[in-house]
Amino acid sequence: RRIREIGVFSELKSHKITAAEVREINPVGIVLSGGPNSVYEEGSFDIDPEIFELGIPILGICYGMQLMAYTLGGNVAHADKREYGTTDVTIDNTSKLLQGFGETNGFLMSHTDFVETVPEGFKNIGHTPSCPNAAMENEEKKLYGIQFHPEVNNSVNGTMVIKNFLYNVCECQGDWQMS
């Protein structure tokens, strides 16, 4: 919904979609959403790993970030201290994803697991005292992950994160309307 509110067409697809099916659709970007599961749980949602090799920009949110990290060789761990509620995240505002922000921003966190080690080729672009990797990027491959939830009203400037992904990374125009 937030993507459409920003003026970009979007569709919901199952996590079971294959890389070949994604290639057929030819999207300008992909968002992997959050969820209550742990990537280590039996039966938890996974994704065709080849999707990460298609050259399509991807933003992983919460579980989506953890899934990206886990699938690409990073480490996801269970947190000693769960983060829930609006939390100040120290960010790298030179990232295309976080341009236009100050050094900290209040984002809604709601997680028990976290990315302990980012995958090879990624760098940390955000952290909190309890979450060492609250945001990560591989700018070359246009892969981004955020532990926080920009889509909720509790996230200050959350819509701006989504806009940055759509406009700065995916190069969308923002000229689509529901009508």
C-alpha atoms as a PDB file:
ATOM      1  CA  ARG A   1       0.000   0.000   0.000  1.00  0.00           C
ATOM      2  CA  ARG A   2       2.748   2.467   0.900  1.00  0.00           C
ATOM      3  CA  ILE A   3       4.429   1.951  -2.478  1.00  0.00           C
ATOM      4  CA  ARG A   4       1.190   2.674  -4.328  1.00  0.00           C
ATOM      5  CA  GLU A   5       0.596   5.757  -2.147  1.00  0.00           C
ATOM      6  CA  ILE A   6       3.979   7.049  -3.355  1.00  0.00           C
ATOM      7  CA  GLY A   7       2.808   6.737  -6.968  1.00  0.00           C
ATOM      8  CA  VAL A   8       4.469   3.480  -8.002  1.00  0.00           C
ATOM      9  CA  PHE A   9       2.552   0.413  -9.172  1.00  0.00           C
ATOM     10  CA  SER A  10       3.144  -2.692  -7.058  1.00  0.00           C
ATOM     11  CA  GLU A  11       1.901  -6.274  -6.865  1.00  0.00           C
ATOM     12  CA  LEU A  12       2.028  -8.845  -4.075  1.00  0.00           C
ATOM     13  CA  LYS A  13       3.612 -12.177  -4.972  1.00  0.00           C
ATOM     14  CA  SER A  14       4.194 -15.376  -3.000  1.00  0.00           C
ATOM     15  CA  HIS A  15       7.624 -16.133  -1.565  1.00  0.00           C
ATOM     16  CA  LYS A  16       7.425 -19.331  -3.651  1.00  0.00           C
ATOM     17  CA  ILE A  17       7.907 -17.369  -6.901  1.00  0.00           C
ATOM     18  CA  THR A  18      10.868 -18.624  -8.903  1.00  0.00           C
ATOM     19  CA  ALA A  19      13.651 -16.559 -10.413  1.00  0.00           C
ATOM     20  CA  ALA A  20      12.328 -17.530 -13.862  1.00  0.00           C
ATOM     21  CA  GLU A  21       8.876 -16.177 -12.971  1.00  0.00           C
ATOM     22  CA  VAL A  22      10.425 -12.955 -11.636  1.00  0.00           C
ATOM     23  CA  ARG A  23      12.418 -12.622 -14.858  1.00  0.00           C
ATOM     24  CA  GLU A  24       9.153 -12.912 -16.846  1.00  0.00           C
ATOM     25  CA  ILE A  25       7.500 -10.155 -14.806  1.00  0.00           C
ATOM     26  CA  ASN A  26      10.634  -7.988 -15.133  1.00  0.00           C
ATOM     27  CA  PRO A  27      10.032  -5.757 -12.077  1.00  0.00           C
ATOM     28  CA  VAL A  28      12.097  -2.646 -11.451  1.00  0.00           C
ATOM     29  CA  GLY A  29      12.418  -3.603  -7.777  1.00  0.00           C
ATOM     30  CA  ILE A  30      11.457  -6.165  -5.163  1.00  0.00           C
ATOM     31  CA  VAL A  31      10.518  -5.701  -1.499  1.00  0.00           C
ATOM     32  CA  LEU A  32      10.815  -8.691   0.822  1.00  0.00           C
ATOM     33  CA  SER A  33       8.446  -7.984   3.692  1.00  0.00           C
ATOM     34  CA  GLY A  34       8.630  -8.696   7.380  1.00  0.00           C
ATOM     35  CA  GLY A  35       7.053 -11.542   9.293  1.00  0.00           C
ATOM     36  CA  PRO A  36       6.990 -13.246  12.687  1.00  0.00           C
ATOM     37  CA  ASN A  37       9.139 -16.272  11.801  1.00  0.00           C
ATOM     38  CA  SER A  38      12.813 -17.012  12.295  1.00  0.00           C
ATOM     39  CA  VAL A  39      14.892 -18.021   9.279  1.00  0.00           C
ATOM     40  CA  TYR A  40      16.075 -21.006  11.338  1.00  0.00           C
ATOM     41  CA  GLU A  41      12.590 -22.408  12.024  1.00  0.00           C
ATOM     42  CA  GLU A  42      11.506 -25.493  10.148  1.00  0.00           C
ATOM     43  CA  GLY A  43       8.986 -24.488   7.515  1.00  0.00           C
ATOM     44  CA  SER A  44       9.888 -20.793   7.609  1.00  0.00           C
ATOM     45  CA  PHE A  45       9.508 -18.824   4.396  1.00  0.00           C
ATOM     46  CA  ASP A  46      12.454 -18.954   2.055  1.00  0.00           C
ATOM     47  CA  ILE A  47      13.147 -17.610  -1.412  1.00  0.00           C
ATOM     48  CA  ASP A  48      14.702 -18.852  -4.637  1.00  0.00           C
ATOM     49  CA  PRO A  49      18.320 -17.716  -4.075  1.00  0.00           C
ATOM     50  CA  GLU A  50      18.740 -17.031  -7.794  1.00  0.00           C
ATOM     51  CA  ILE A  51      16.430 -14.009  -7.365  1.00  0.00           C
ATOM     52  CA  PHE A  52      19.350 -12.214  -5.691  1.00  0.00           C
ATOM     53  CA  GLU A  53      21.417 -12.726  -8.865  1.00  0.00           C
ATOM     54  CA  LEU A  54      18.926 -11.189 -11.332  1.00  0.00           C
ATOM     55  CA  GLY A  55      20.307  -7.657 -10.981  1.00  0.00           C
ATOM     56  CA  ILE A  56      16.939  -6.343  -9.746  1.00  0.00           C
ATOM     57  CA  PRO A  57      17.111  -3.968  -6.751  1.00  0.00           C
ATOM     58  CA  ILE A  58      15.832  -5.646  -3.580  1.00  0.00           C
ATOM     59  CA  LEU A  59      14.842  -4.148  -0.226  1.00  0.00           C
ATOM     60  CA  GLY A  60      14.479  -6.617   2.640  1.00  0.00           C
ATOM     61  CA  ILE A  61      12.421  -5.358   5.587  1.00  0.00           C
ATOM     62  CA  CYS A  62      12.825  -7.089   8.996  1.00  0.00           C
ATOM     63  CA  TYR A  63      12.401 -10.816   8.201  1.00  0.00           C
ATOM     64  CA  GLY A  64      13.148  -9.905   4.580  1.00  0.00           C
ATOM     65  CA  MET A  65      16.538  -8.520   5.655  1.00  0.00           C
ATOM     66  CA  GLN A  66      17.238 -11.587   7.783  1.00  0.00           C
ATOM     67  CA  LEU A  67      16.251 -13.885   4.904  1.00  0.00           C
ATOM     68  CA  MET A  68      18.535 -11.984   2.526  1.00  0.00           C
ATOM     69  CA  ALA A  69      21.452 -12.157   4.954  1.00  0.00           C
ATOM     70  CA  TYR A  70      20.889 -15.837   5.771  1.00  0.00           C
ATOM     71  CA  THR A  71      20.489 -16.849   2.108  1.00  0.00           C
ATOM     72  CA  LEU A  72      23.597 -14.932   1.029  1.00  0.00           C
ATOM     73  CA  GLY A  73      25.912 -16.291   3.736  1.00  0.00           C
ATOM     74  CA  GLY A  74      25.498 -13.827   6.599  1.00  0.00           C
ATOM     75  CA  ASN A  75      24.653 -14.879  10.122  1.00  0.00           C
ATOM     76  CA  VAL A  76      21.281 -14.370  11.803  1.00  0.00           C
ATOM     77  CA  ALA A  77      21.121 -14.779  15.576  1.00  0.00           C
ATOM     78  CA  HIS A  78      18.571 -14.662  18.373  1.00  0.00           C
ATOM     79  CA  ALA A  79      18.837 -11.361  20.250  1.00  0.00           C
ATOM     80  CA  ASP A  80      19.479 -11.292  23.985  1.00  0.00           C
ATOM     81  CA  LYS A  81      17.281  -8.193  24.144  1.00  0.00           C
ATOM     82  CA  ARG A  82      14.218  -7.866  21.931  1.00  0.00           C
ATOM     83  CA  GLU A  83      13.699  -4.451  20.352  1.00  0.00           C
ATOM     84  CA  TYR A  84      10.102  -3.287  20.160  1.00  0.00           C
ATOM     85  CA  GLY A  85       8.826   0.216  19.612  1.00  0.00           C
ATOM     86  CA  THR A  86      10.326   3.379  18.192  1.00  0.00           C
ATOM     87  CA  THR A  87      14.098   3.127  18.452  1.00  0.00           C
ATOM     88  CA  ASP A  88      16.813   5.582  17.483  1.00  0.00           C
ATOM     89  CA  VAL A  89      18.882   4.110  14.661  1.00  0.00           C
ATOM     90  CA  THR A  90      22.299   5.581  13.904  1.00  0.00           C
ATOM     91  CA  ILE A  91      22.540   5.633  10.115  1.00  0.00           C
ATOM     92  CA  ASP A  92      24.976   6.207   7.263  1.00  0.00           C
ATOM     93  CA  ASN A  93      23.185   8.958   5.393  1.00  0.00           C
ATOM     94  CA  THR A  94      25.561   8.686   2.424  1.00  0.00           C
ATOM     95  CA  SER A  95      23.679   5.527   1.407  1.00  0.00           C
ATOM     96  CA  LYS A  96      21.195   5.973  -1.448  1.00  0.00           C
ATOM     97  CA  LEU A  97      18.627   4.339   0.822  1.00  0.00           C
ATOM     98  CA  LEU A  98      19.114   6.769   3.714  1.00  0.00           C
ATOM     99  CA  GLN A  99      19.941  10.045   1.949  1.00  0.00           C
ATOM    100  CA  GLY A 100      18.292  13.121   3.404  1.00  0.00           C
ATOM    101  CA  PHE A 101      18.382  11.882   7.011  1.00  0.00           C
ATOM    102  CA  GLY A 102      20.280  13.143  10.013  1.00  0.00           C
ATOM    103  CA  GLU A 103      22.719  10.855  11.819  1.00  0.00           C
ATOM    104  CA  THR A 104      19.909   9.215  13.804  1.00  0.00           C
ATOM    105  CA  ASN A 105      16.267   8.570  13.064  1.00  0.00           C
ATOM    106  CA  GLY A 106      13.452   7.016  15.092  1.00  0.00           C
ATOM    107  CA  PHE A 107      12.172   3.858  13.391  1.00  0.00           C
ATOM    108  CA  LEU A 108       9.751   1.220  14.637  1.00  0.00           C
ATOM    109  CA  MET A 109      11.541  -1.979  15.588  1.00  0.00           C
ATOM    110  CA  SER A 110       9.821  -5.281  16.249  1.00  0.00           C
ATOM    111  CA  HIS A 111      12.195  -8.234  16.225  1.00  0.00           C
ATOM    112  CA  THR A 112      13.697 -11.048  18.251  1.00  0.00           C
ATOM    113  CA  ASP A 113      16.299 -12.159  15.699  1.00  0.00           C
ATOM    114  CA  PHE A 114      18.840  -9.879  14.051  1.00  0.00           C
ATOM    115  CA  VAL A 115      21.603  -9.965  11.456  1.00  0.00           C
ATOM    116  CA  GLU A 116      24.731 -10.640  13.477  1.00  0.00           C
ATOM    117  CA  THR A 117      27.112 -10.688  10.491  1.00  0.00           C
ATOM    118  CA  VAL A 118      26.314  -9.182   7.087  1.00  0.00           C
ATOM    119  CA  PRO A 119      27.031 -11.291   3.980  1.00  0.00           C
ATOM    120  CA  GLU A 120      30.245 -10.822   2.007  1.00  0.00           C
ATOM    121  CA  GLY A 121      30.043  -7.717  -0.188  1.00  0.00           C
ATOM    122  CA  PHE A 122      27.629  -5.928   2.172  1.00  0.00           C
ATOM    123  CA  LYS A 123      28.371  -3.069   4.517  1.00  0.00           C
ATOM    124  CA  ASN A 124      26.600  -1.873   7.627  1.00  0.00           C
ATOM    125  CA  ILE A 125      24.617   1.357   7.151  1.00  0.00           C
ATOM    126  CA  GLY A 126      22.719   1.449  10.447  1.00  0.00           C
ATOM    127  CA  HIS A 127      22.843   0.214  14.025  1.00  0.00           C
ATOM    128  CA  THR A 128      21.311   0.553  17.473  1.00  0.00           C
ATOM    129  CA  PRO A 129      22.855  -0.321  20.854  1.00  0.00           C
ATOM    130  CA  SER A 130      21.083  -3.724  20.698  1.00  0.00           C
ATOM    131  CA  CYS A 131      21.211  -4.370  16.942  1.00  0.00           C
ATOM    132  CA  PRO A 132      24.657  -4.080  15.352  1.00  0.00           C
ATOM    133  CA  ASN A 133      23.261  -4.371  11.820  1.00  0.00           C
ATOM    134  CA  ALA A 134      19.964  -2.484  11.710  1.00  0.00           C
ATOM    135  CA  ALA A 135      20.587  -1.672   8.027  1.00  0.00           C
ATOM    136  CA  MET A 136      22.915  -3.093   5.370  1.00  0.00           C
ATOM    137  CA  GLU A 137      23.648  -2.598   1.704  1.00  0.00           C
ATOM    138  CA  ASN A 138      25.474  -4.047  -1.238  1.00  0.00           C
ATOM    139  CA  GLU A 139      25.307  -0.971  -3.443  1.00  0.00           C
ATOM    140  CA  GLU A 140      26.944  -2.712  -6.415  1.00  0.00           C
ATOM    141  CA  LYS A 141      24.229  -5.396  -6.512  1.00  0.00           C
ATOM    142  CA  LYS A 142      21.503  -2.964  -5.362  1.00  0.00           C
ATOM    143  CA  LEU A 143      20.621  -5.159  -2.379  1.00  0.00           C
ATOM    144  CA  TYR A 144      19.458  -3.418   0.794  1.00  0.00           C
ATOM    145  CA  GLY A 145      18.175  -4.649   4.136  1.00  0.00           C
ATOM    146  CA  ILE A 146      16.618  -2.835   7.079  1.00  0.00           C
ATOM    147  CA  GLN A 147      15.645  -4.351  10.416  1.00  0.00           C
ATOM    148  CA  PHE A 148      13.116  -1.593  11.098  1.00  0.00           C
ATOM    149  CA  HIS A 149       9.680  -0.994   9.598  1.00  0.00           C
ATOM    150  CA  PRO A 150       9.480   2.124   7.390  1.00  0.00           C
ATOM    151  CA  GLU A 151       5.927   1.307   6.319  1.00  0.00           C
ATOM    152  CA  VAL A 152       4.368   2.103   9.705  1.00  0.00           C
ATOM    153  CA  ASN A 153       3.397   5.530  10.999  1.00  0.00           C
ATOM    154  CA  ASN A 154       5.616   5.129  14.096  1.00  0.00           C
ATOM    155  CA  SER A 155       8.722   5.334  11.899  1.00  0.00           C
ATOM    156  CA  VAL A 156       9.756   8.960  11.573  1.00  0.00           C
ATOM    157  CA  ASN A 157      10.450   9.600   7.873  1.00  0.00           C
ATOM    158  CA  GLY A 158       9.684   5.940   7.094  1.00  0.00           C
ATOM    159  CA  THR A 159       8.006   6.883   3.836  1.00  0.00           C
ATOM    160  CA  MET A 160      11.217   8.654   2.845  1.00  0.00           C
ATOM    161  CA  VAL A 161      13.140   5.346   3.115  1.00  0.00           C
ATOM    162  CA  ILE A 162      10.637   3.734   0.752  1.00  0.00           C
ATOM    163  CA  LYS A 163      10.824   6.722  -1.610  1.00  0.00           C
ATOM    164  CA  ASN A 164      14.625   6.570  -1.566  1.00  0.00           C
ATOM    165  CA  PHE A 165      14.494   2.896  -2.531  1.00  0.00           C
ATOM    166  CA  LEU A 166      11.965   3.513  -5.288  1.00  0.00           C
ATOM    167  CA  TYR A 167      13.473   6.714  -6.709  1.00  0.00           C
ATOM    168  CA  ASN A 168      17.217   6.570  -5.872  1.00  0.00           C
ATOM    169  CA  VAL A 169      17.781   2.829  -6.293  1.00  0.00           C
ATOM    170  CA  CYS A 170      15.018   1.533  -8.618  1.00  0.00           C
ATOM    171  CA  GLU A 171      14.775   4.823 -10.561  1.00  0.00           C
ATOM    172  CA  CYS A 172      10.960   4.813 -10.551  1.00  0.00           C
ATOM    173  CA  GLN A 173       9.090   7.880 -11.784  1.00  0.00           C
ATOM    174  CA  GLY A 174       6.258   8.053  -9.244  1.00  0.00           C
ATOM    175  CA  ASP A 175       3.652   8.803 -11.893  1.00  0.00           C
ATOM    176  CA  TRP A 176       1.251   5.889 -11.291  1.00  0.00           C
ATOM    177  CA  GLN A 177      -2.199   6.434  -9.751  1.00  0.00           C
ATOM    178  CA  MET A 178      -4.838   3.924  -8.696  1.00  0.00           C
ATOM    179  CA  SER A 179      -7.404   5.687 -10.912  1.00  0.00           C
END
